[in-house]
């Protein structure tokens, strides 16, 4: 990468850093392009060389922050996942979710920003660079493929689990209601396992669906 490209990358990163700072402090609705450019010590016109508007930079940040969180959770899961037998694979989903909840608990402002703006389209198509550019659904599918159980409508199942975790964590972590985080995690994991049980397909001894 040449000096010109390096400089462009640095400017884009500076805009992203300033936007994240302002979005987590004030929210996207209360933040203007002028404020982002000023915080990044650039002219307003420079912003438009990299992003169409503040909503494009918002979506870019949501994807990037979600990427960081999911990548970290999966990296830590990988350390123990290979030791899991097929009957324990569902524990991998639970471990992944618990890790993400812990990250949100440690960084509630990122949760506030992501939770209000994360769409299923962004999440399901998010590519994890360190994992051969797989998207999030590929990661979940990879975990479930090792399970001794089969599941119907996997995408719907994961969608319901992600939305459940997203909405309940938002209220508990940010509003401290109606329970503490640790109590939520205990009940939430039971509910997640129940959702997975609901979508599990019964098979007979010959391996045929019943």
N, C-alpha and C. Protein backbone atom coordinates (compact mmCIF):
# COMPACT_ATOMS: atom_id res chain seq x y z
N UNK A 1 0.84 -1.20 0.00
CA UNK A 1 0.00 0.00 0.00
C UNK A 1 0.88 1.25 0.00
N UNK A 2 0.64 2.19 -0.95
CA UNK A 2 1.44 3.40 -1.06
C UNK A 2 1.07 4.45 -0.04
N UNK A 3 1.84 5.55 -0.05
CA UNK A 3 1.62 6.62 0.92
C UNK A 3 0.25 7.26 0.78
N UNK A 4 -0.20 7.42 -0.47
CA UNK A 4 -1.53 8.03 -0.70
C UNK A 4 -2.62 7.15 -0.11
N UNK A 5 -2.54 5.84 -0.35
CA UNK A 5 -3.55 4.92 0.19
C UNK A 5 -3.48 4.86 1.71
N UNK A 6 -2.26 4.90 2.24
CA UNK A 6 -2.10 4.92 3.71
C UNK A 6 -2.77 6.14 4.30
N UNK A 7 -2.58 7.28 3.66
CA UNK A 7 -3.16 8.53 4.15
C UNK A 7 -4.69 8.48 4.10
N UNK A 8 -5.21 7.93 3.00
CA UNK A 8 -6.67 7.79 2.87
C UNK A 8 -7.23 6.89 3.97
N UNK A 9 -6.51 5.79 4.23
CA UNK A 9 -6.96 4.85 5.26
C UNK A 9 -6.95 5.51 6.63
N UNK A 10 -5.93 6.29 6.91
CA UNK A 10 -5.83 6.99 8.20
C UNK A 10 -6.96 7.99 8.37
N UNK A 11 -7.30 8.70 7.29
CA UNK A 11 -8.39 9.68 7.36
C UNK A 11 -9.73 8.97 7.60
N UNK A 12 -9.93 7.86 6.90
CA UNK A 12 -11.18 7.12 7.08
C UNK A 12 -11.29 6.58 8.51
N UNK A 13 -10.18 6.05 9.04
CA UNK A 13 -10.17 5.54 10.40
C UNK A 13 -10.44 6.66 11.41
N UNK A 14 -9.89 7.84 11.14
CA UNK A 14 -10.12 8.98 12.04
C UNK A 14 -11.59 9.37 12.05
N UNK A 15 -12.22 9.35 10.89
CA UNK A 15 -13.65 9.66 10.81
C UNK A 15 -14.48 8.61 11.54
N UNK A 16 -14.11 7.35 11.38
CA UNK A 16 -14.82 6.28 12.06
C UNK A 16 -14.67 6.40 13.58
N UNK A 17 -13.47 6.69 14.03
CA UNK A 17 -13.23 6.84 15.48
C UNK A 17 -14.02 8.01 16.04
N UNK A 18 -14.04 9.13 15.33
CA UNK A 18 -14.79 10.30 15.81
C UNK A 18 -16.29 10.03 15.80
N UNK A 19 -16.77 9.38 14.76
CA UNK A 19 -18.20 9.06 14.68
C UNK A 19 -18.60 8.13 15.81
N UNK A 20 -17.79 7.11 16.09
CA UNK A 20 -18.10 6.19 17.18
C UNK A 20 -18.15 6.92 18.51
N UNK A 21 -17.18 7.78 18.74
CA UNK A 21 -17.15 8.57 19.98
C UNK A 21 -18.42 9.40 20.14
N UNK A 22 -18.81 10.11 19.09
CA UNK A 22 -19.98 10.98 19.16
C UNK A 22 -21.29 10.20 19.19
N UNK A 23 -21.35 9.11 18.42
CA UNK A 23 -22.56 8.30 18.40
C UNK A 23 -22.82 7.65 19.76
N UNK A 24 -21.76 7.19 20.43
CA UNK A 24 -21.95 6.56 21.73
C UNK A 24 -22.24 7.59 22.82
N UNK A 25 -21.79 8.82 22.61
CA UNK A 25 -22.05 9.89 23.59
C UNK A 25 -23.43 10.50 23.40
N UNK A 26 -23.80 10.76 22.14
CA UNK A 26 -25.02 11.53 21.85
C UNK A 26 -26.09 10.75 21.09
N UNK A 27 -25.65 9.73 20.36
CA UNK A 27 -26.57 9.00 19.48
C UNK A 27 -26.48 9.55 18.07
N UNK A 28 -26.70 8.72 17.06
CA UNK A 28 -26.62 9.17 15.65
C UNK A 28 -27.58 10.31 15.33
N UNK A 29 -28.78 10.28 15.89
CA UNK A 29 -29.78 11.30 15.57
C UNK A 29 -29.33 12.70 15.99
N UNK A 30 -28.57 12.77 17.08
CA UNK A 30 -28.15 14.06 17.62
C UNK A 30 -26.75 14.46 17.16
N UNK A 31 -26.16 13.69 16.27
CA UNK A 31 -24.81 13.98 15.78
C UNK A 31 -24.87 14.40 14.32
N UNK A 32 -24.17 15.46 13.98
CA UNK A 32 -24.15 15.94 12.60
C UNK A 32 -22.84 15.57 11.91
N UNK A 33 -22.86 15.61 10.58
CA UNK A 33 -21.65 15.36 9.81
C UNK A 33 -20.58 16.39 10.15
N UNK A 34 -21.00 17.64 10.34
CA UNK A 34 -20.05 18.70 10.68
C UNK A 34 -19.32 18.39 11.99
N UNK A 35 -20.04 17.85 12.97
CA UNK A 35 -19.43 17.52 14.25
C UNK A 35 -18.42 16.38 14.11
N UNK A 36 -18.76 15.40 13.29
CA UNK A 36 -17.85 14.27 13.07
C UNK A 36 -16.56 14.77 12.41
N UNK A 37 -16.71 15.58 11.36
CA UNK A 37 -15.54 16.11 10.66
C UNK A 37 -14.70 16.98 11.58
N UNK A 38 -15.34 17.81 12.36
CA UNK A 38 -14.61 18.70 13.27
C UNK A 38 -13.83 17.91 14.30
N UNK A 39 -14.46 16.87 14.88
CA UNK A 39 -13.79 16.04 15.87
C UNK A 39 -12.59 15.31 15.26
N UNK A 40 -12.71 14.95 13.98
CA UNK A 40 -11.62 14.27 13.28
C UNK A 40 -10.60 15.25 12.72
N UNK A 41 -10.85 16.55 12.96
CA UNK A 41 -9.95 17.62 12.51
C UNK A 41 -9.82 17.63 10.98
N UNK A 42 -10.98 17.55 10.35
CA UNK A 42 -11.04 17.60 8.89
C UNK A 42 -12.13 18.57 8.45
N UNK A 43 -12.07 18.96 7.19
CA UNK A 43 -13.13 19.79 6.61
C UNK A 43 -14.36 18.91 6.37
N UNK A 44 -15.53 19.53 6.44
CA UNK A 44 -16.77 18.78 6.24
C UNK A 44 -16.77 18.07 4.89
N UNK A 45 -16.23 18.74 3.87
CA UNK A 45 -16.21 18.15 2.53
C UNK A 45 -15.40 16.87 2.46
N UNK A 46 -14.38 16.75 3.32
CA UNK A 46 -13.55 15.54 3.32
C UNK A 46 -14.38 14.33 3.73
N UNK A 47 -15.34 14.55 4.64
CA UNK A 47 -16.20 13.45 5.09
C UNK A 47 -16.86 12.78 3.90
N UNK A 48 -17.36 13.60 2.94
CA UNK A 48 -18.13 13.06 1.83
C UNK A 48 -17.26 12.35 0.78
N UNK A 49 -15.95 12.43 0.94
CA UNK A 49 -15.07 11.64 0.07
C UNK A 49 -15.07 10.18 0.48
N UNK A 50 -15.51 9.92 1.73
CA UNK A 50 -15.44 8.57 2.28
C UNK A 50 -16.82 7.97 2.57
N UNK A 51 -17.78 8.81 2.92
CA UNK A 51 -19.11 8.33 3.28
C UNK A 51 -20.18 9.22 2.66
N UNK A 52 -21.29 8.59 2.25
CA UNK A 52 -22.39 9.32 1.62
C UNK A 52 -23.07 10.26 2.61
N UNK A 53 -23.29 9.77 3.84
CA UNK A 53 -23.93 10.56 4.89
C UNK A 53 -23.65 9.89 6.23
N UNK A 54 -24.21 10.44 7.29
CA UNK A 54 -23.92 9.89 8.62
C UNK A 54 -24.54 8.51 8.82
N UNK A 55 -25.54 8.18 8.04
CA UNK A 55 -26.18 6.86 8.18
C UNK A 55 -25.29 5.77 7.58
N UNK A 56 -24.55 6.12 6.54
CA UNK A 56 -23.62 5.14 5.97
C UNK A 56 -22.47 4.87 6.95
N UNK A 57 -21.94 5.92 7.58
CA UNK A 57 -20.86 5.70 8.54
C UNK A 57 -21.39 4.98 9.78
N UNK A 58 -22.65 5.25 10.13
CA UNK A 58 -23.27 4.53 11.25
C UNK A 58 -23.33 3.05 10.96
N UNK A 59 -23.82 2.68 9.77
CA UNK A 59 -23.92 1.26 9.41
C UNK A 59 -22.55 0.59 9.35
N UNK A 60 -21.57 1.33 8.86
CA UNK A 60 -20.21 0.81 8.81
C UNK A 60 -19.69 0.53 10.21
N UNK A 61 -19.97 1.44 11.14
CA UNK A 61 -19.53 1.27 12.53
C UNK A 61 -20.26 0.10 13.21
N UNK A 62 -21.54 -0.02 12.95
CA UNK A 62 -22.31 -1.13 13.55
C UNK A 62 -21.72 -2.46 13.10
N UNK A 63 -21.45 -2.57 11.80
CA UNK A 63 -20.87 -3.80 11.26
C UNK A 63 -19.49 -4.05 11.87
N UNK A 64 -18.68 -2.98 11.99
CA UNK A 64 -17.33 -3.15 12.51
C UNK A 64 -17.33 -3.54 13.99
N UNK A 65 -18.14 -2.88 14.79
CA UNK A 65 -18.18 -3.19 16.22
C UNK A 65 -18.76 -4.58 16.47
N UNK A 66 -19.79 -4.94 15.71
CA UNK A 66 -20.36 -6.28 15.84
C UNK A 66 -19.33 -7.33 15.43
N UNK A 67 -18.58 -7.02 14.39
CA UNK A 67 -17.50 -7.89 13.93
C UNK A 67 -16.50 -8.14 15.05
N UNK A 68 -16.05 -7.08 15.71
CA UNK A 68 -15.06 -7.20 16.79
C UNK A 68 -15.59 -8.09 17.92
N UNK A 69 -16.84 -7.86 18.31
CA UNK A 69 -17.44 -8.60 19.42
C UNK A 69 -17.59 -10.07 19.06
N UNK A 70 -18.13 -10.35 17.88
CA UNK A 70 -18.38 -11.73 17.48
C UNK A 70 -17.07 -12.47 17.26
N UNK A 71 -16.09 -11.78 16.69
CA UNK A 71 -14.79 -12.40 16.45
C UNK A 71 -14.12 -12.80 17.76
N UNK A 72 -14.16 -11.92 18.75
CA UNK A 72 -13.55 -12.21 20.05
C UNK A 72 -14.25 -13.40 20.71
N UNK A 73 -15.60 -13.40 20.66
CA UNK A 73 -16.35 -14.50 21.27
C UNK A 73 -16.03 -15.82 20.60
N UNK A 74 -15.96 -15.82 19.28
CA UNK A 74 -15.69 -17.06 18.55
C UNK A 74 -14.26 -17.53 18.80
N UNK A 75 -13.32 -16.60 18.89
CA UNK A 75 -11.92 -16.97 19.15
C UNK A 75 -11.80 -17.70 20.48
N UNK A 76 -12.50 -17.20 21.50
CA UNK A 76 -12.44 -17.82 22.82
C UNK A 76 -13.19 -19.16 22.83
N UNK A 77 -14.28 -19.23 22.05
CA UNK A 77 -15.00 -20.50 21.93
C UNK A 77 -14.12 -21.56 21.27
N UNK A 78 -13.36 -21.17 20.28
CA UNK A 78 -12.55 -22.12 19.52
C UNK A 78 -11.56 -22.87 20.40
N UNK A 79 -11.14 -22.23 21.49
CA UNK A 79 -10.17 -22.86 22.38
C UNK A 79 -10.72 -24.10 23.07
N UNK A 80 -12.06 -24.17 23.19
CA UNK A 80 -12.66 -25.31 23.88
C UNK A 80 -13.58 -26.14 22.97
N UNK A 81 -13.95 -25.58 21.81
CA UNK A 81 -14.96 -26.21 20.98
C UNK A 81 -14.54 -27.57 20.45
N UNK A 82 -13.28 -27.69 20.04
CA UNK A 82 -12.81 -28.95 19.46
C UNK A 82 -12.87 -30.11 20.44
N UNK A 83 -12.90 -29.80 21.73
CA UNK A 83 -12.96 -30.85 22.75
C UNK A 83 -14.37 -31.30 23.05
N UNK A 84 -15.36 -30.58 22.49
CA UNK A 84 -16.76 -30.91 22.76
C UNK A 84 -17.20 -32.11 21.93
N UNK A 85 -17.91 -33.03 22.54
CA UNK A 85 -18.50 -34.15 21.80
C UNK A 85 -19.79 -33.67 21.17
N UNK A 86 -20.33 -34.38 20.15
CA UNK A 86 -21.53 -33.92 19.47
C UNK A 86 -22.70 -33.58 20.38
N UNK A 87 -22.87 -34.33 21.47
CA UNK A 87 -23.99 -34.06 22.37
C UNK A 87 -23.81 -32.77 23.17
N UNK A 88 -22.62 -32.20 23.13
CA UNK A 88 -22.35 -30.97 23.87
C UNK A 88 -22.27 -29.74 22.97
N UNK A 89 -22.48 -29.91 21.68
CA UNK A 89 -22.28 -28.81 20.74
C UNK A 89 -23.18 -27.62 21.04
N UNK A 90 -24.40 -27.87 21.50
CA UNK A 90 -25.29 -26.77 21.84
C UNK A 90 -24.67 -25.87 22.91
N UNK A 91 -23.80 -26.47 23.74
CA UNK A 91 -23.10 -25.66 24.74
C UNK A 91 -22.22 -24.61 24.07
N UNK A 92 -21.79 -24.88 22.83
CA UNK A 92 -20.99 -23.91 22.09
C UNK A 92 -21.79 -22.66 21.78
N UNK A 93 -23.06 -22.83 21.39
CA UNK A 93 -23.94 -21.68 21.14
C UNK A 93 -24.11 -20.88 22.42
N UNK A 94 -24.34 -21.59 23.52
CA UNK A 94 -24.53 -20.94 24.82
C UNK A 94 -23.27 -20.18 25.23
N UNK A 95 -22.11 -20.80 25.04
CA UNK A 95 -20.85 -20.16 25.40
C UNK A 95 -20.65 -18.88 24.59
N UNK A 96 -20.95 -18.95 23.30
CA UNK A 96 -20.82 -17.80 22.41
C UNK A 96 -21.69 -16.65 22.90
N UNK A 97 -22.93 -16.95 23.23
CA UNK A 97 -23.87 -15.93 23.69
C UNK A 97 -23.45 -15.34 25.03
N UNK A 98 -23.01 -16.20 25.95
CA UNK A 98 -22.58 -15.71 27.26
C UNK A 98 -21.38 -14.78 27.12
N UNK A 99 -20.47 -15.11 26.23
CA UNK A 99 -19.31 -14.26 26.00
C UNK A 99 -19.72 -12.90 25.46
N UNK A 100 -20.67 -12.89 24.54
CA UNK A 100 -21.15 -11.63 23.97
C UNK A 100 -21.85 -10.80 25.04
N UNK A 101 -22.65 -11.43 25.89
CA UNK A 101 -23.31 -10.72 26.98
C UNK A 101 -22.28 -10.10 27.92
N UNK A 102 -21.23 -10.84 28.23
CA UNK A 102 -20.17 -10.32 29.10
C UNK A 102 -19.48 -9.12 28.47
N UNK A 103 -19.25 -9.19 27.15
CA UNK A 103 -18.63 -8.04 26.47
C UNK A 103 -19.53 -6.81 26.53
N UNK A 104 -20.82 -7.01 26.34
CA UNK A 104 -21.76 -5.89 26.42
C UNK A 104 -21.82 -5.32 27.83
N UNK A 105 -21.74 -6.19 28.82
CA UNK A 105 -21.77 -5.75 30.21
C UNK A 105 -20.56 -4.87 30.52
N UNK A 106 -19.41 -5.24 29.95
CA UNK A 106 -18.19 -4.46 30.17
C UNK A 106 -18.18 -3.16 29.38
N UNK A 107 -18.97 -3.09 28.31
CA UNK A 107 -18.97 -1.91 27.45
C UNK A 107 -20.40 -1.53 27.08
N UNK A 108 -21.18 -1.05 28.05
CA UNK A 108 -22.60 -0.79 27.80
C UNK A 108 -22.89 0.26 26.72
N UNK A 109 -21.97 1.22 26.53
CA UNK A 109 -22.22 2.24 25.51
C UNK A 109 -22.19 1.64 24.11
N UNK A 110 -21.35 0.63 23.91
CA UNK A 110 -21.35 -0.06 22.61
C UNK A 110 -22.65 -0.81 22.43
N UNK A 111 -23.14 -1.43 23.50
CA UNK A 111 -24.44 -2.10 23.43
C UNK A 111 -25.54 -1.11 23.06
N UNK A 112 -25.53 0.06 23.69
CA UNK A 112 -26.56 1.07 23.40
C UNK A 112 -26.54 1.44 21.92
N UNK A 113 -25.36 1.63 21.39
CA UNK A 113 -25.22 2.03 19.99
C UNK A 113 -25.64 0.90 19.04
N UNK A 114 -25.12 -0.30 19.27
CA UNK A 114 -25.39 -1.42 18.38
C UNK A 114 -26.85 -1.86 18.46
N UNK A 115 -27.35 -2.01 19.67
CA UNK A 115 -28.68 -2.60 19.87
C UNK A 115 -29.78 -1.82 19.18
N UNK A 116 -29.69 -0.52 19.20
CA UNK A 116 -30.74 0.31 18.61
C UNK A 116 -30.67 0.40 17.09
N UNK A 117 -29.54 -0.01 16.53
CA UNK A 117 -29.34 0.20 15.10
C UNK A 117 -29.00 -1.06 14.31
N UNK A 118 -28.79 -2.19 15.02
CA UNK A 118 -28.39 -3.42 14.34
C UNK A 118 -29.60 -4.09 13.69
N UNK A 119 -29.54 -4.22 12.37
CA UNK A 119 -30.61 -4.93 11.66
C UNK A 119 -30.18 -6.37 11.42
N UNK A 120 -31.16 -7.25 11.17
CA UNK A 120 -30.84 -8.64 10.88
C UNK A 120 -30.02 -8.75 9.60
N UNK A 121 -30.30 -7.86 8.63
CA UNK A 121 -29.55 -7.88 7.39
C UNK A 121 -28.07 -7.63 7.61
N UNK A 122 -27.74 -6.65 8.45
CA UNK A 122 -26.34 -6.36 8.75
C UNK A 122 -25.72 -7.55 9.47
N UNK A 123 -26.43 -8.08 10.49
CA UNK A 123 -25.87 -9.16 11.29
C UNK A 123 -25.65 -10.43 10.47
N UNK A 124 -26.67 -10.85 9.74
CA UNK A 124 -26.60 -12.14 9.04
C UNK A 124 -25.58 -12.13 7.90
N UNK A 125 -25.28 -10.94 7.35
CA UNK A 125 -24.34 -10.85 6.25
C UNK A 125 -22.95 -10.40 6.68
N UNK A 126 -22.78 -10.16 7.97
CA UNK A 126 -21.50 -9.68 8.48
C UNK A 126 -20.40 -10.71 8.24
N UNK A 127 -19.30 -10.29 7.67
CA UNK A 127 -18.19 -11.18 7.35
C UNK A 127 -17.09 -11.06 8.41
N UNK A 128 -16.61 -12.20 8.90
CA UNK A 128 -15.56 -12.23 9.90
C UNK A 128 -14.24 -12.53 9.20
N UNK A 129 -13.38 -11.52 9.07
CA UNK A 129 -12.16 -11.65 8.29
C UNK A 129 -11.24 -12.74 8.82
N UNK A 130 -11.10 -12.82 10.13
CA UNK A 130 -10.19 -13.80 10.72
C UNK A 130 -10.71 -15.23 10.62
N UNK A 131 -11.95 -15.38 10.15
CA UNK A 131 -12.55 -16.70 10.02
C UNK A 131 -12.89 -16.98 8.56
N UNK A 132 -11.90 -16.74 7.70
CA UNK A 132 -12.03 -16.99 6.25
C UNK A 132 -13.20 -16.24 5.63
N UNK A 133 -13.50 -15.07 6.18
CA UNK A 133 -14.55 -14.19 5.64
C UNK A 133 -15.94 -14.83 5.68
N UNK A 134 -16.15 -15.77 6.60
CA UNK A 134 -17.48 -16.36 6.76
C UNK A 134 -18.42 -15.33 7.38
N UNK A 135 -19.74 -15.46 7.09
CA UNK A 135 -20.68 -14.57 7.76
C UNK A 135 -21.16 -15.23 9.06
N UNK A 136 -21.91 -14.46 9.84
CA UNK A 136 -22.31 -14.94 11.17
C UNK A 136 -23.16 -16.21 11.10
N UNK A 137 -24.04 -16.29 10.10
CA UNK A 137 -24.84 -17.51 9.97
C UNK A 137 -23.97 -18.71 9.63
N UNK A 138 -22.91 -18.50 8.84
CA UNK A 138 -21.98 -19.59 8.55
C UNK A 138 -21.36 -20.12 9.84
N UNK A 139 -21.03 -19.20 10.76
CA UNK A 139 -20.41 -19.59 12.02
C UNK A 139 -21.38 -20.44 12.85
N UNK A 140 -22.61 -19.97 12.96
CA UNK A 140 -23.62 -20.74 13.71
C UNK A 140 -23.86 -22.09 13.04
N UNK A 141 -23.95 -22.09 11.71
CA UNK A 141 -24.17 -23.35 10.98
C UNK A 141 -23.02 -24.32 11.22
N UNK A 142 -21.80 -23.79 11.25
CA UNK A 142 -20.64 -24.64 11.48
C UNK A 142 -20.68 -25.31 12.85
N UNK A 143 -21.17 -24.57 13.84
CA UNK A 143 -21.32 -25.15 15.18
C UNK A 143 -22.40 -26.23 15.17
N UNK A 144 -23.53 -25.91 14.58
CA UNK A 144 -24.67 -26.84 14.58
C UNK A 144 -24.41 -28.09 13.75
N UNK A 145 -23.56 -27.98 12.73
CA UNK A 145 -23.25 -29.15 11.89
C UNK A 145 -22.58 -30.26 12.70
N UNK A 146 -21.90 -29.90 13.77
CA UNK A 146 -21.22 -30.90 14.59
C UNK A 146 -22.13 -31.52 15.64
N UNK A 147 -23.35 -31.01 15.72
CA UNK A 147 -24.28 -31.51 16.73
C UNK A 147 -24.82 -32.88 16.36
N UNK A 148 -25.17 -33.64 17.36
CA UNK A 148 -25.81 -34.94 17.11
C UNK A 148 -27.28 -34.75 16.78
N UNK A 149 -27.78 -33.54 16.94
CA UNK A 149 -29.18 -33.23 16.61
C UNK A 149 -29.25 -32.46 15.29
N UNK A 150 -30.42 -32.52 14.65
CA UNK A 150 -30.69 -31.76 13.44
C UNK A 150 -31.74 -30.70 13.76
N UNK A 151 -31.68 -29.61 13.04
CA UNK A 151 -32.59 -28.50 13.31
C UNK A 151 -33.28 -28.07 12.03
N UNK A 152 -34.55 -27.74 12.16
CA UNK A 152 -35.31 -27.19 11.04
C UNK A 152 -35.21 -25.66 11.12
N UNK A 153 -35.35 -25.00 10.01
CA UNK A 153 -35.38 -23.54 9.93
C UNK A 153 -34.29 -22.89 10.81
N UNK A 154 -33.06 -23.23 10.51
CA UNK A 154 -31.94 -22.74 11.32
C UNK A 154 -31.88 -21.21 11.39
N UNK A 155 -32.08 -20.57 10.25
CA UNK A 155 -31.97 -19.10 10.24
C UNK A 155 -33.02 -18.47 11.14
N UNK A 156 -34.25 -18.99 11.11
CA UNK A 156 -35.30 -18.47 11.98
C UNK A 156 -34.94 -18.71 13.44
N UNK A 157 -34.41 -19.89 13.74
CA UNK A 157 -34.03 -20.19 15.12
C UNK A 157 -32.96 -19.22 15.63
N UNK A 158 -31.92 -19.00 14.82
CA UNK A 158 -30.85 -18.09 15.23
C UNK A 158 -31.38 -16.66 15.32
N UNK A 159 -32.25 -16.28 14.39
CA UNK A 159 -32.86 -14.95 14.42
C UNK A 159 -33.59 -14.72 15.75
N UNK A 160 -34.39 -15.69 16.16
CA UNK A 160 -35.13 -15.56 17.42
C UNK A 160 -34.19 -15.47 18.62
N UNK A 161 -33.12 -16.26 18.60
CA UNK A 161 -32.17 -16.25 19.71
C UNK A 161 -31.44 -14.91 19.78
N UNK A 162 -30.96 -14.43 18.63
CA UNK A 162 -30.23 -13.16 18.59
C UNK A 162 -31.12 -12.00 19.03
N UNK A 163 -32.35 -11.96 18.54
CA UNK A 163 -33.27 -10.88 18.92
C UNK A 163 -33.61 -10.93 20.40
N UNK A 164 -33.76 -12.13 20.93
CA UNK A 164 -34.05 -12.29 22.36
C UNK A 164 -32.89 -11.76 23.21
N UNK A 165 -31.68 -12.17 22.87
CA UNK A 165 -30.50 -11.72 23.62
C UNK A 165 -30.34 -10.21 23.50
N UNK A 166 -30.51 -9.70 22.31
CA UNK A 166 -30.35 -8.27 22.04
C UNK A 166 -31.31 -7.43 22.88
N UNK A 167 -32.59 -7.77 22.84
CA UNK A 167 -33.60 -6.96 23.53
C UNK A 167 -33.53 -7.08 25.04
N UNK A 168 -33.32 -8.28 25.56
CA UNK A 168 -33.29 -8.44 27.01
C UNK A 168 -32.03 -7.84 27.62
N UNK A 169 -30.90 -7.99 26.94
CA UNK A 169 -29.65 -7.42 27.45
C UNK A 169 -29.72 -5.90 27.48
N UNK A 170 -30.37 -5.33 26.49
CA UNK A 170 -30.47 -3.87 26.43
C UNK A 170 -31.11 -3.33 27.71
N UNK A 171 -32.23 -3.90 28.09
CA UNK A 171 -32.93 -3.40 29.28
C UNK A 171 -32.19 -3.68 30.57
N UNK A 172 -31.65 -4.88 30.69
CA UNK A 172 -30.99 -5.26 31.95
C UNK A 172 -29.66 -4.55 32.13
N UNK A 173 -28.84 -4.53 31.09
CA UNK A 173 -27.51 -3.92 31.21
C UNK A 173 -27.59 -2.40 31.27
N UNK A 174 -28.45 -1.80 30.47
CA UNK A 174 -28.50 -0.34 30.43
C UNK A 174 -29.47 0.27 31.43
N UNK A 175 -30.57 -0.41 31.68
CA UNK A 175 -31.59 0.15 32.58
C UNK A 175 -31.61 -0.52 33.95
N UNK A 176 -30.79 -1.58 34.10
CA UNK A 176 -30.68 -2.30 35.38
C UNK A 176 -32.03 -2.78 35.88
N UNK A 177 -32.87 -3.23 34.95
CA UNK A 177 -34.20 -3.71 35.31
C UNK A 177 -34.64 -4.74 34.26
N UNK A 178 -35.43 -5.72 34.67
CA UNK A 178 -36.01 -5.89 36.01
C UNK A 178 -35.15 -6.72 36.96
N UNK A 179 -33.98 -7.25 36.46
CA UNK A 179 -33.13 -8.09 37.30
C UNK A 179 -31.67 -7.75 37.03
N UNK A 180 -30.76 -8.34 37.81
CA UNK A 180 -29.33 -8.18 37.58
C UNK A 180 -28.90 -9.04 36.38
N UNK A 181 -27.75 -8.71 35.81
CA UNK A 181 -27.27 -9.40 34.61
C UNK A 181 -27.10 -10.90 34.84
N UNK A 182 -26.51 -11.26 35.98
CA UNK A 182 -26.27 -12.68 36.25
C UNK A 182 -27.57 -13.48 36.33
N UNK A 183 -28.60 -12.88 36.89
CA UNK A 183 -29.90 -13.56 36.96
C UNK A 183 -30.50 -13.69 35.57
N UNK A 184 -30.35 -12.62 34.77
CA UNK A 184 -30.84 -12.68 33.39
C UNK A 184 -30.15 -13.80 32.63
N UNK A 185 -28.81 -13.88 32.74
CA UNK A 185 -28.06 -14.90 32.00
C UNK A 185 -28.57 -16.29 32.31
N UNK A 186 -28.82 -16.56 33.59
CA UNK A 186 -29.29 -17.90 33.98
C UNK A 186 -30.61 -18.23 33.30
N UNK A 187 -31.56 -17.30 33.33
CA UNK A 187 -32.88 -17.54 32.74
C UNK A 187 -32.80 -17.51 31.21
N UNK A 188 -31.97 -16.63 30.70
CA UNK A 188 -31.85 -16.48 29.25
C UNK A 188 -31.29 -17.74 28.61
N UNK A 189 -30.30 -18.33 29.23
CA UNK A 189 -29.70 -19.55 28.69
C UNK A 189 -30.71 -20.69 28.69
N UNK A 190 -31.53 -20.77 29.73
CA UNK A 190 -32.60 -21.80 29.75
C UNK A 190 -33.57 -21.58 28.60
N UNK A 191 -33.90 -20.32 28.34
CA UNK A 191 -34.83 -20.00 27.25
C UNK A 191 -34.21 -20.32 25.90
N UNK A 192 -32.92 -20.00 25.73
CA UNK A 192 -32.23 -20.30 24.47
C UNK A 192 -32.21 -21.81 24.22
N UNK A 193 -31.93 -22.58 25.26
CA UNK A 193 -31.95 -24.03 25.11
C UNK A 193 -33.35 -24.51 24.75
N UNK A 194 -34.37 -23.87 25.32
CA UNK A 194 -35.74 -24.22 24.99
C UNK A 194 -36.08 -23.94 23.54
N UNK A 195 -35.58 -22.82 23.02
CA UNK A 195 -35.80 -22.49 21.61
C UNK A 195 -35.14 -23.54 20.72
N UNK A 196 -33.93 -23.93 21.09
CA UNK A 196 -33.23 -24.94 20.30
C UNK A 196 -33.94 -26.29 20.36
N UNK A 197 -34.47 -26.63 21.53
CA UNK A 197 -35.26 -27.86 21.65
C UNK A 197 -36.49 -27.80 20.74
N UNK A 198 -37.10 -26.63 20.67
CA UNK A 198 -38.30 -26.45 19.86
C UNK A 198 -38.02 -26.69 18.37
N UNK A 199 -36.83 -26.29 17.93
CA UNK A 199 -36.49 -26.42 16.51
C UNK A 199 -35.76 -27.72 16.19
N UNK A 200 -35.43 -28.50 17.21
CA UNK A 200 -34.75 -29.78 16.96
C UNK A 200 -35.69 -30.75 16.27
N UNK A 201 -35.16 -31.48 15.30
CA UNK A 201 -35.95 -32.46 14.56
C UNK A 201 -35.72 -33.84 15.17
N UNK A 202 -36.82 -34.50 15.49
CA UNK A 202 -36.71 -35.85 16.07
C UNK A 202 -36.31 -36.83 14.98
N UNK A 203 -35.35 -37.71 15.30
CA UNK A 203 -34.94 -38.74 14.34
C UNK A 203 -34.98 -40.11 15.05
N UNK A 204 -35.27 -41.15 14.27
CA UNK A 204 -35.34 -42.48 14.87
C UNK A 204 -33.96 -43.15 14.87
N UNK A 205 -33.90 -44.39 15.27
CA UNK A 205 -32.62 -45.08 15.41
C UNK A 205 -31.91 -45.29 14.07
N UNK A 206 -32.65 -45.20 12.96
CA UNK A 206 -32.04 -45.38 11.66
C UNK A 206 -31.54 -44.05 11.07
N UNK A 207 -31.78 -42.96 11.82
CA UNK A 207 -31.33 -41.65 11.34
C UNK A 207 -32.34 -40.95 10.46
N UNK A 208 -33.56 -41.48 10.41
CA UNK A 208 -34.62 -40.90 9.58
C UNK A 208 -35.47 -39.95 10.42
N UNK A 209 -35.84 -38.78 9.87
CA UNK A 209 -36.70 -37.84 10.58
C UNK A 209 -38.05 -38.48 10.86
N UNK A 210 -38.59 -38.20 12.06
CA UNK A 210 -39.92 -38.71 12.39
C UNK A 210 -40.85 -37.55 12.71
